[in-house]
Amino acid sequence: IFPIVVALITSLILPDAAPLVGMLMLGNLFKVCGVTERLSKTAQNELINIVTILLGVSVGATCNAENFLKPQTLYIIALGLAAFAFATFGGVMFGNIMYWVTGGKVNPLIGSAGVSAVPMAARVSQVVGQKENPSNFLLMHAMGPNVAGVIGSAVAAGVFLALFQ
């Protein structure tokens, strides 16, 4: 019921984000419902590889050097790197706040998984946590904020689409 409710609420509040969030929730519905096992496996393996190749080829074919090799491109890449760094820093700081508020029940490393780099951010939290304490198993707990970061990014993209049209 979660993917359906999220898709409906997003479509009602922010229609421009509906395709992004809708596809994300459709994939979640495939995986969770258990009825579409073959479709879920195809979407996770073959289809994602085909779509990635087609997306890369189409972007590469439409981008010429005169448009790409500009100082503005480096500026955009630097802004993205800074945004990623600040998001990770903010997540760790909020994780520390949650650690103090809950009396140590929340591991602050989970906050760093709030960026939408799925599933790598959650895996990094897991690896760093296990280096500190081998009995730490943070991966499933870190996937929650990780997926929340993806949903937040999709909604933010929808807001930008609505603002700049």
N, C-alpha and C. Protein backbone atom coordinates (compact mmCIF):
# COMPACT_ATOMS: atom_id res chain seq x y z
N ILE A 1 0.82 -1.19 0.00
CA ILE A 1 0.00 0.00 0.00
C ILE A 1 0.87 1.27 0.00
N PHE A 2 2.10 1.15 0.55
CA PHE A 2 2.99 2.31 0.61
C PHE A 2 3.28 2.91 -0.76
N PRO A 3 3.70 2.11 -1.76
CA PRO A 3 4.01 2.73 -3.06
C PRO A 3 2.80 3.40 -3.70
N ILE A 4 1.63 2.82 -3.52
CA ILE A 4 0.42 3.39 -4.12
C ILE A 4 0.08 4.72 -3.45
N VAL A 5 0.15 4.77 -2.12
CA VAL A 5 -0.17 6.00 -1.39
C VAL A 5 0.83 7.10 -1.72
N VAL A 6 2.11 6.77 -1.76
CA VAL A 6 3.13 7.78 -2.08
C VAL A 6 2.94 8.32 -3.49
N ALA A 7 2.68 7.44 -4.44
CA ALA A 7 2.46 7.88 -5.82
C ALA A 7 1.23 8.77 -5.93
N LEU A 8 0.15 8.42 -5.25
CA LEU A 8 -1.07 9.23 -5.31
C LEU A 8 -0.88 10.60 -4.66
N ILE A 9 -0.28 10.63 -3.48
CA ILE A 9 -0.08 11.90 -2.79
C ILE A 9 0.85 12.81 -3.59
N THR A 10 1.93 12.25 -4.11
CA THR A 10 2.85 13.05 -4.92
C THR A 10 2.16 13.57 -6.17
N SER A 11 1.35 12.74 -6.81
CA SER A 11 0.64 13.17 -8.02
C SER A 11 -0.34 14.29 -7.73
N LEU A 12 -0.97 14.25 -6.58
CA LEU A 12 -1.93 15.29 -6.22
C LEU A 12 -1.24 16.59 -5.82
N ILE A 13 -0.17 16.48 -5.05
CA ILE A 13 0.51 17.68 -4.55
C ILE A 13 1.43 18.29 -5.60
N LEU A 14 2.18 17.45 -6.30
CA LEU A 14 3.18 17.93 -7.24
C LEU A 14 3.13 17.09 -8.52
N PRO A 15 2.22 17.43 -9.44
CA PRO A 15 2.05 16.61 -10.64
C PRO A 15 3.31 16.48 -11.50
N ASP A 16 4.19 17.48 -11.49
CA ASP A 16 5.40 17.40 -12.31
C ASP A 16 6.36 16.32 -11.83
N ALA A 17 6.28 15.95 -10.55
CA ALA A 17 7.15 14.90 -10.03
C ALA A 17 6.52 13.52 -10.16
N ALA A 18 5.28 13.45 -10.63
CA ALA A 18 4.56 12.17 -10.70
C ALA A 18 5.28 11.12 -11.55
N PRO A 19 5.83 11.45 -12.73
CA PRO A 19 6.52 10.39 -13.49
C PRO A 19 7.74 9.83 -12.76
N LEU A 20 8.52 10.70 -12.12
CA LEU A 20 9.72 10.23 -11.42
C LEU A 20 9.35 9.35 -10.23
N VAL A 21 8.49 9.87 -9.36
CA VAL A 21 8.12 9.13 -8.17
C VAL A 21 7.27 7.92 -8.54
N GLY A 22 6.43 8.07 -9.56
CA GLY A 22 5.59 6.95 -10.00
C GLY A 22 6.40 5.76 -10.46
N MET A 23 7.45 5.99 -11.23
CA MET A 23 8.30 4.89 -11.69
C MET A 23 9.06 4.26 -10.52
N LEU A 24 9.52 5.09 -9.59
CA LEU A 24 10.20 4.57 -8.41
C LEU A 24 9.26 3.68 -7.60
N MET A 25 8.03 4.15 -7.42
CA MET A 25 7.06 3.38 -6.64
C MET A 25 6.57 2.14 -7.40
N LEU A 26 6.53 2.20 -8.73
CA LEU A 26 6.16 1.02 -9.51
C LEU A 26 7.21 -0.09 -9.31
N GLY A 27 8.47 0.29 -9.33
CA GLY A 27 9.53 -0.68 -9.06
C GLY A 27 9.42 -1.26 -7.67
N ASN A 28 9.09 -0.41 -6.69
CA ASN A 28 8.90 -0.88 -5.32
C ASN A 28 7.72 -1.84 -5.25
N LEU A 29 6.64 -1.52 -5.96
CA LEU A 29 5.46 -2.38 -5.97
C LEU A 29 5.78 -3.74 -6.59
N PHE A 30 6.55 -3.74 -7.69
CA PHE A 30 6.98 -5.01 -8.31
C PHE A 30 7.70 -5.88 -7.30
N LYS A 31 8.63 -5.27 -6.57
CA LYS A 31 9.48 -6.03 -5.66
C LYS A 31 8.71 -6.53 -4.44
N VAL A 32 7.81 -5.70 -3.92
CA VAL A 32 7.16 -6.00 -2.66
C VAL A 32 5.95 -6.92 -2.81
N CYS A 33 5.20 -6.78 -3.89
CA CYS A 33 3.93 -7.51 -3.97
C CYS A 33 4.12 -9.02 -4.10
N GLY A 34 5.21 -9.47 -4.68
CA GLY A 34 5.49 -10.90 -4.77
C GLY A 34 4.76 -11.62 -5.90
N VAL A 35 3.84 -10.95 -6.57
CA VAL A 35 3.07 -11.59 -7.63
C VAL A 35 3.82 -11.54 -8.95
N THR A 36 4.62 -10.52 -9.14
CA THR A 36 5.30 -10.29 -10.42
C THR A 36 6.79 -10.61 -10.31
N GLU A 37 7.10 -11.82 -9.91
CA GLU A 37 8.50 -12.17 -9.66
C GLU A 37 9.36 -12.09 -10.92
N ARG A 38 8.87 -12.61 -12.04
CA ARG A 38 9.65 -12.56 -13.29
C ARG A 38 9.84 -11.13 -13.75
N LEU A 39 8.77 -10.33 -13.66
CA LEU A 39 8.86 -8.93 -14.07
C LEU A 39 9.82 -8.17 -13.16
N SER A 40 9.78 -8.47 -11.88
CA SER A 40 10.69 -7.82 -10.93
C SER A 40 12.14 -8.16 -11.24
N LYS A 41 12.42 -9.44 -11.49
CA LYS A 41 13.80 -9.85 -11.81
C LYS A 41 14.27 -9.23 -13.12
N THR A 42 13.38 -9.16 -14.11
CA THR A 42 13.74 -8.54 -15.39
C THR A 42 14.04 -7.06 -15.20
N ALA A 43 13.21 -6.37 -14.42
CA ALA A 43 13.42 -4.94 -14.19
C ALA A 43 14.72 -4.70 -13.44
N GLN A 44 15.08 -5.60 -12.52
CA GLN A 44 16.30 -5.43 -11.73
C GLN A 44 17.56 -5.75 -12.52
N ASN A 45 17.47 -6.58 -13.53
CA ASN A 45 18.68 -7.04 -14.23
C ASN A 45 18.74 -6.56 -15.68
N GLU A 46 18.05 -7.25 -16.56
CA GLU A 46 18.19 -6.97 -17.99
C GLU A 46 17.69 -5.59 -18.36
N LEU A 47 16.50 -5.24 -17.88
CA LEU A 47 15.89 -3.97 -18.28
C LEU A 47 16.71 -2.77 -17.82
N ILE A 48 17.21 -2.82 -16.58
CA ILE A 48 18.00 -1.69 -16.07
C ILE A 48 19.29 -1.53 -16.86
N ASN A 49 19.89 -2.64 -17.29
CA ASN A 49 21.11 -2.56 -18.09
C ASN A 49 20.83 -1.97 -19.47
N ILE A 50 19.73 -2.40 -20.09
CA ILE A 50 19.37 -1.87 -21.41
C ILE A 50 19.07 -0.38 -21.33
N VAL A 51 18.29 0.01 -20.32
CA VAL A 51 17.93 1.42 -20.17
C VAL A 51 19.16 2.27 -19.89
N THR A 52 20.08 1.76 -19.08
CA THR A 52 21.31 2.50 -18.79
C THR A 52 22.14 2.71 -20.05
N ILE A 53 22.27 1.68 -20.86
CA ILE A 53 23.02 1.80 -22.11
C ILE A 53 22.35 2.81 -23.04
N LEU A 54 21.04 2.69 -23.21
CA LEU A 54 20.32 3.62 -24.10
C LEU A 54 20.40 5.06 -23.61
N LEU A 55 20.30 5.25 -22.30
CA LEU A 55 20.40 6.60 -21.74
C LEU A 55 21.79 7.18 -21.98
N GLY A 56 22.83 6.38 -21.72
CA GLY A 56 24.19 6.85 -21.95
C GLY A 56 24.47 7.17 -23.41
N VAL A 57 24.00 6.31 -24.30
CA VAL A 57 24.21 6.55 -25.74
C VAL A 57 23.45 7.78 -26.20
N SER A 58 22.20 7.93 -25.74
CA SER A 58 21.41 9.09 -26.20
C SER A 58 21.97 10.40 -25.66
N VAL A 59 22.41 10.42 -24.42
CA VAL A 59 23.02 11.65 -23.89
C VAL A 59 24.34 11.93 -24.59
N GLY A 60 25.15 10.90 -24.77
CA GLY A 60 26.43 11.09 -25.46
C GLY A 60 26.27 11.51 -26.91
N ALA A 61 25.26 11.00 -27.58
CA ALA A 61 25.06 11.34 -28.99
C ALA A 61 24.54 12.75 -29.18
N THR A 62 23.80 13.26 -28.21
CA THR A 62 23.22 14.60 -28.36
C THR A 62 24.12 15.70 -27.79
N CYS A 63 25.20 15.32 -27.12
CA CYS A 63 26.06 16.32 -26.49
C CYS A 63 27.33 16.50 -27.32
N ASN A 64 27.51 17.68 -27.88
CA ASN A 64 28.74 17.93 -28.64
C ASN A 64 29.74 18.70 -27.78
N ALA A 65 30.98 18.71 -28.19
CA ALA A 65 32.06 19.28 -27.38
C ALA A 65 31.88 20.77 -27.14
N GLU A 66 31.31 21.50 -28.10
CA GLU A 66 31.14 22.95 -27.93
C GLU A 66 30.19 23.27 -26.77
N ASN A 67 29.22 22.40 -26.54
CA ASN A 67 28.28 22.63 -25.46
C ASN A 67 28.77 22.06 -24.13
N PHE A 68 29.56 21.01 -24.18
CA PHE A 68 29.96 20.34 -22.95
C PHE A 68 31.22 20.93 -22.34
N LEU A 69 32.21 21.23 -23.15
CA LEU A 69 33.50 21.70 -22.63
C LEU A 69 33.46 23.21 -22.41
N LYS A 70 32.79 23.61 -21.36
CA LYS A 70 32.68 25.02 -20.97
C LYS A 70 32.99 25.13 -19.49
N PRO A 71 33.38 26.31 -19.04
CA PRO A 71 33.57 26.49 -17.59
C PRO A 71 32.29 26.26 -16.79
N GLN A 72 31.16 26.50 -17.43
CA GLN A 72 29.88 26.30 -16.76
C GLN A 72 29.69 24.82 -16.37
N THR A 73 30.18 23.91 -17.19
CA THR A 73 30.07 22.48 -16.89
C THR A 73 30.86 22.13 -15.64
N LEU A 74 32.08 22.64 -15.54
CA LEU A 74 32.89 22.40 -14.34
C LEU A 74 32.23 23.01 -13.10
N TYR A 75 31.61 24.17 -13.28
CA TYR A 75 30.91 24.82 -12.17
C TYR A 75 29.75 23.94 -11.69
N ILE A 76 29.00 23.36 -12.61
CA ILE A 76 27.88 22.50 -12.25
C ILE A 76 28.37 21.25 -11.54
N ILE A 77 29.47 20.66 -12.02
CA ILE A 77 30.04 19.48 -11.38
C ILE A 77 30.52 19.83 -9.97
N ALA A 78 31.16 20.98 -9.81
CA ALA A 78 31.62 21.42 -8.49
C ALA A 78 30.44 21.66 -7.55
N LEU A 79 29.37 22.25 -8.06
CA LEU A 79 28.18 22.45 -7.23
C LEU A 79 27.58 21.12 -6.78
N GLY A 80 27.54 20.14 -7.68
CA GLY A 80 27.04 18.82 -7.31
C GLY A 80 27.89 18.16 -6.25
N LEU A 81 29.20 18.27 -6.38
CA LEU A 81 30.11 17.71 -5.39
C LEU A 81 29.94 18.38 -4.04
N ALA A 82 29.81 19.71 -4.05
CA ALA A 82 29.59 20.45 -2.80
C ALA A 82 28.25 20.07 -2.17
N ALA A 83 27.22 19.93 -2.99
CA ALA A 83 25.90 19.54 -2.47
C ALA A 83 25.96 18.16 -1.83
N PHE A 84 26.67 17.24 -2.48
CA PHE A 84 26.81 15.89 -1.94
C PHE A 84 27.56 15.92 -0.61
N ALA A 85 28.63 16.71 -0.54
CA ALA A 85 29.41 16.80 0.69
C ALA A 85 28.59 17.42 1.82
N PHE A 86 27.86 18.50 1.52
CA PHE A 86 27.04 19.14 2.55
C PHE A 86 25.89 18.24 2.99
N ALA A 87 25.31 17.47 2.07
CA ALA A 87 24.23 16.56 2.44
C ALA A 87 24.75 15.46 3.37
N THR A 88 25.94 14.94 3.07
CA THR A 88 26.53 13.92 3.93
C THR A 88 26.86 14.50 5.30
N PHE A 89 27.44 15.70 5.32
CA PHE A 89 27.77 16.37 6.58
C PHE A 89 26.50 16.62 7.39
N GLY A 90 25.47 17.13 6.74
CA GLY A 90 24.21 17.40 7.43
C GLY A 90 23.58 16.13 7.98
N GLY A 91 23.67 15.04 7.21
CA GLY A 91 23.14 13.77 7.69
C GLY A 91 23.87 13.26 8.91
N VAL A 92 25.19 13.38 8.92
CA VAL A 92 25.97 12.93 10.08
C VAL A 92 25.66 13.82 11.29
N MET A 93 25.53 15.12 11.08
CA MET A 93 25.20 16.02 12.19
C MET A 93 23.81 15.71 12.75
N PHE A 94 22.83 15.50 11.86
CA PHE A 94 21.49 15.16 12.33
C PHE A 94 21.50 13.79 13.01
N GLY A 95 22.31 12.86 12.51
CA GLY A 95 22.46 11.57 13.17
C GLY A 95 23.02 11.71 14.58
N ASN A 96 23.98 12.64 14.75
CA ASN A 96 24.51 12.90 16.09
C ASN A 96 23.45 13.48 17.01
N ILE A 97 22.63 14.39 16.47
CA ILE A 97 21.53 14.95 17.27
C ILE A 97 20.57 13.84 17.69
N MET A 98 20.22 12.97 16.75
CA MET A 98 19.32 11.85 17.07
C MET A 98 19.96 10.90 18.09
N TYR A 99 21.27 10.75 18.02
CA TYR A 99 21.98 9.91 18.99
C TYR A 99 21.82 10.47 20.40
N TRP A 100 21.98 11.78 20.53
CA TRP A 100 21.87 12.40 21.85
C TRP A 100 20.42 12.44 22.33
N VAL A 101 19.49 12.71 21.44
CA VAL A 101 18.08 12.80 21.83
C VAL A 101 17.55 11.43 22.29
N THR A 102 17.95 10.37 21.60
CA THR A 102 17.44 9.03 21.93
C THR A 102 18.29 8.33 22.99
N GLY A 103 19.30 8.97 23.49
CA GLY A 103 20.14 8.36 24.51
C GLY A 103 21.04 7.27 23.97
N GLY A 104 21.45 7.38 22.72
CA GLY A 104 22.39 6.42 22.14
C GLY A 104 21.75 5.27 21.39
N LYS A 105 20.45 5.32 21.15
CA LYS A 105 19.77 4.23 20.43
C LYS A 105 19.93 4.32 18.92
N VAL A 106 20.29 5.50 18.40
CA VAL A 106 20.44 5.69 16.96
C VAL A 106 21.92 5.86 16.64
N ASN A 107 22.43 5.07 15.71
CA ASN A 107 23.82 5.19 15.28
C ASN A 107 23.94 6.41 14.35
N PRO A 108 24.84 7.36 14.66
CA PRO A 108 24.97 8.57 13.84
C PRO A 108 25.37 8.29 12.39
N LEU A 109 25.97 7.14 12.12
CA LEU A 109 26.37 6.81 10.74
C LEU A 109 25.18 6.66 9.81
N ILE A 110 24.02 6.36 10.36
CA ILE A 110 22.84 6.18 9.52
C ILE A 110 22.49 7.49 8.83
N GLY A 111 22.80 8.62 9.44
CA GLY A 111 22.52 9.92 8.83
C GLY A 111 23.27 10.13 7.53
N SER A 112 24.47 9.58 7.43
CA SER A 112 25.25 9.76 6.20
C SER A 112 24.64 9.02 5.02
N ALA A 113 23.76 8.08 5.27
CA ALA A 113 23.12 7.33 4.19
C ALA A 113 21.93 8.07 3.60
N GLY A 114 21.63 9.27 4.09
CA GLY A 114 20.48 10.02 3.61
C GLY A 114 20.63 10.61 2.23
N VAL A 115 21.81 10.58 1.66
CA VAL A 115 21.98 11.06 0.29
C VAL A 115 21.44 9.99 -0.66
N SER A 116 21.07 10.41 -1.86
CA SER A 116 20.36 9.47 -2.74
C SER A 116 21.29 8.65 -3.62
N ALA A 117 22.45 8.28 -3.11
CA ALA A 117 23.35 7.41 -3.85
C ALA A 117 23.06 5.97 -3.43
N VAL A 118 22.04 5.38 -4.05
CA VAL A 118 21.58 4.05 -3.66
C VAL A 118 22.39 3.00 -4.39
N PRO A 119 22.78 1.93 -3.78
CA PRO A 119 22.81 1.63 -2.36
C PRO A 119 24.17 1.93 -1.74
N MET A 120 25.01 2.68 -2.46
CA MET A 120 26.40 2.85 -2.03
C MET A 120 26.51 3.59 -0.70
N ALA A 121 25.68 4.62 -0.48
CA ALA A 121 25.77 5.37 0.77
C ALA A 121 25.45 4.48 1.96
N ALA A 122 24.47 3.61 1.82
CA ALA A 122 24.13 2.68 2.90
C ALA A 122 25.26 1.67 3.11
N ARG A 123 25.87 1.22 2.03
CA ARG A 123 26.98 0.26 2.15
C ARG A 123 28.18 0.90 2.84
N VAL A 124 28.45 2.16 2.53
CA VAL A 124 29.57 2.86 3.19
C VAL A 124 29.30 2.97 4.68
N SER A 125 28.06 3.31 5.06
CA SER A 125 27.71 3.37 6.48
C SER A 125 27.93 2.02 7.15
N GLN A 126 27.56 0.95 6.46
CA GLN A 126 27.75 -0.41 6.98
C GLN A 126 29.22 -0.72 7.18
N VAL A 127 30.05 -0.43 6.19
CA VAL A 127 31.48 -0.75 6.26
C VAL A 127 32.16 0.05 7.36
N VAL A 128 31.87 1.35 7.42
CA VAL A 128 32.49 2.20 8.45
C VAL A 128 32.04 1.76 9.84
N GLY A 129 30.77 1.43 9.98
CA GLY A 129 30.26 0.96 11.27
C GLY A 129 30.89 -0.34 11.71
N GLN A 130 31.11 -1.26 10.76
CA GLN A 130 31.73 -2.54 11.13
C GLN A 130 33.22 -2.42 11.39
N LYS A 131 33.87 -1.41 10.81
CA LYS A 131 35.29 -1.20 11.14
C LYS A 131 35.42 -0.77 12.60
N GLU A 132 34.47 0.06 13.05
CA GLU A 132 34.50 0.54 14.44
C GLU A 132 34.07 -0.56 15.41
N ASN A 133 33.02 -1.29 15.05
CA ASN A 133 32.49 -2.34 15.91
C ASN A 133 32.01 -3.48 15.02
N PRO A 134 32.71 -4.61 15.01
CA PRO A 134 32.35 -5.71 14.09
C PRO A 134 30.94 -6.26 14.29
N SER A 135 30.31 -5.99 15.41
CA SER A 135 28.94 -6.49 15.62
C SER A 135 27.88 -5.54 15.10
N ASN A 136 28.29 -4.43 14.47
CA ASN A 136 27.34 -3.48 13.88
C ASN A 136 26.80 -4.04 12.57
N PHE A 137 25.49 -4.02 12.43
CA PHE A 137 24.85 -4.39 11.17
C PHE A 137 23.88 -3.26 10.82
N LEU A 138 24.38 -2.28 10.09
CA LEU A 138 23.63 -1.06 9.82
C LEU A 138 22.96 -1.02 8.45
N LEU A 139 23.24 -1.99 7.60
CA LEU A 139 22.82 -1.88 6.20
C LEU A 139 21.32 -1.69 6.05
N MET A 140 20.52 -2.53 6.68
CA MET A 140 19.07 -2.42 6.52
C MET A 140 18.54 -1.14 7.16
N HIS A 141 19.14 -0.74 8.28
CA HIS A 141 18.72 0.51 8.92
C HIS A 141 19.12 1.72 8.09
N ALA A 142 20.24 1.62 7.40
CA ALA A 142 20.72 2.74 6.58
C ALA A 142 19.96 2.85 5.26
N MET A 143 19.33 1.76 4.81
CA MET A 143 18.57 1.82 3.56
C MET A 143 17.33 2.70 3.68
N GLY A 144 16.78 2.84 4.89
CA GLY A 144 15.60 3.70 5.08
C GLY A 144 15.89 5.14 4.70
N PRO A 145 16.87 5.79 5.33
CA PRO A 145 17.19 7.16 4.92
C PRO A 145 17.73 7.24 3.50
N ASN A 146 18.34 6.16 3.02
CA ASN A 146 18.85 6.14 1.65
C ASN A 146 17.71 6.26 0.64
N VAL A 147 16.68 5.46 0.83
CA VAL A 147 15.51 5.52 -0.05
C VAL A 147 14.76 6.82 0.15
N ALA A 148 14.72 7.32 1.38
CA ALA A 148 14.08 8.62 1.62
C ALA A 148 14.81 9.72 0.86
N GLY A 149 16.12 9.62 0.75
CA GLY A 149 16.88 10.58 -0.04
C GLY A 149 16.53 10.52 -1.52
N VAL A 150 16.27 9.31 -2.02
CA VAL A 150 15.87 9.16 -3.42
C VAL A 150 14.50 9.80 -3.65
N ILE A 151 13.57 9.53 -2.75
CA ILE A 151 12.23 10.11 -2.89
C ILE A 151 12.30 11.62 -2.78
N GLY A 152 13.10 12.12 -1.84
CA GLY A 152 13.27 13.57 -1.70
C GLY A 152 13.88 14.20 -2.94
N SER A 153 14.85 13.52 -3.54
CA SER A 153 15.47 14.03 -4.77
C SER A 153 14.47 14.08 -5.92
N ALA A 154 13.64 13.05 -6.02
CA ALA A 154 12.63 13.03 -7.09
C ALA A 154 11.61 14.14 -6.90
N VAL A 155 11.20 14.37 -5.66
CA VAL A 155 10.24 15.45 -5.39
C VAL A 155 10.89 16.81 -5.65
N ALA A 156 12.15 16.97 -5.25
CA ALA A 156 12.85 18.23 -5.52
C ALA A 156 13.00 18.46 -7.02
N ALA A 157 13.27 17.41 -7.77
CA ALA A 157 13.34 17.54 -9.23
C ALA A 157 11.99 17.97 -9.80
N GLY A 158 10.91 17.43 -9.25
CA GLY A 158 9.58 17.84 -9.68
C GLY A 158 9.29 19.29 -9.36
N VAL A 159 9.75 19.75 -8.21
CA VAL A 159 9.58 21.17 -7.85
C VAL A 159 10.34 22.05 -8.83
N PHE A 160 11.58 21.67 -9.15
CA PHE A 160 12.36 22.46 -10.11
C PHE A 160 11.71 22.45 -11.49
N LEU A 161 11.17 21.30 -11.90
CA LEU A 161 10.47 21.25 -13.18
C LEU A 161 9.27 22.19 -13.19
N ALA A 162 8.55 22.23 -12.08
CA ALA A 162 7.38 23.10 -12.00
C ALA A 162 7.79 24.58 -11.99
N LEU A 163 8.90 24.89 -11.34
CA LEU A 163 9.33 26.29 -11.24
C LEU A 163 9.89 26.83 -12.54
N PHE A 164 10.58 25.99 -13.30
CA PHE A 164 11.29 26.48 -14.48
C PHE A 164 10.58 26.22 -15.80
N GLN A 165 9.31 25.85 -15.75
CA GLN A 165 8.57 25.65 -17.00
C GLN A 165 7.90 26.93 -17.43
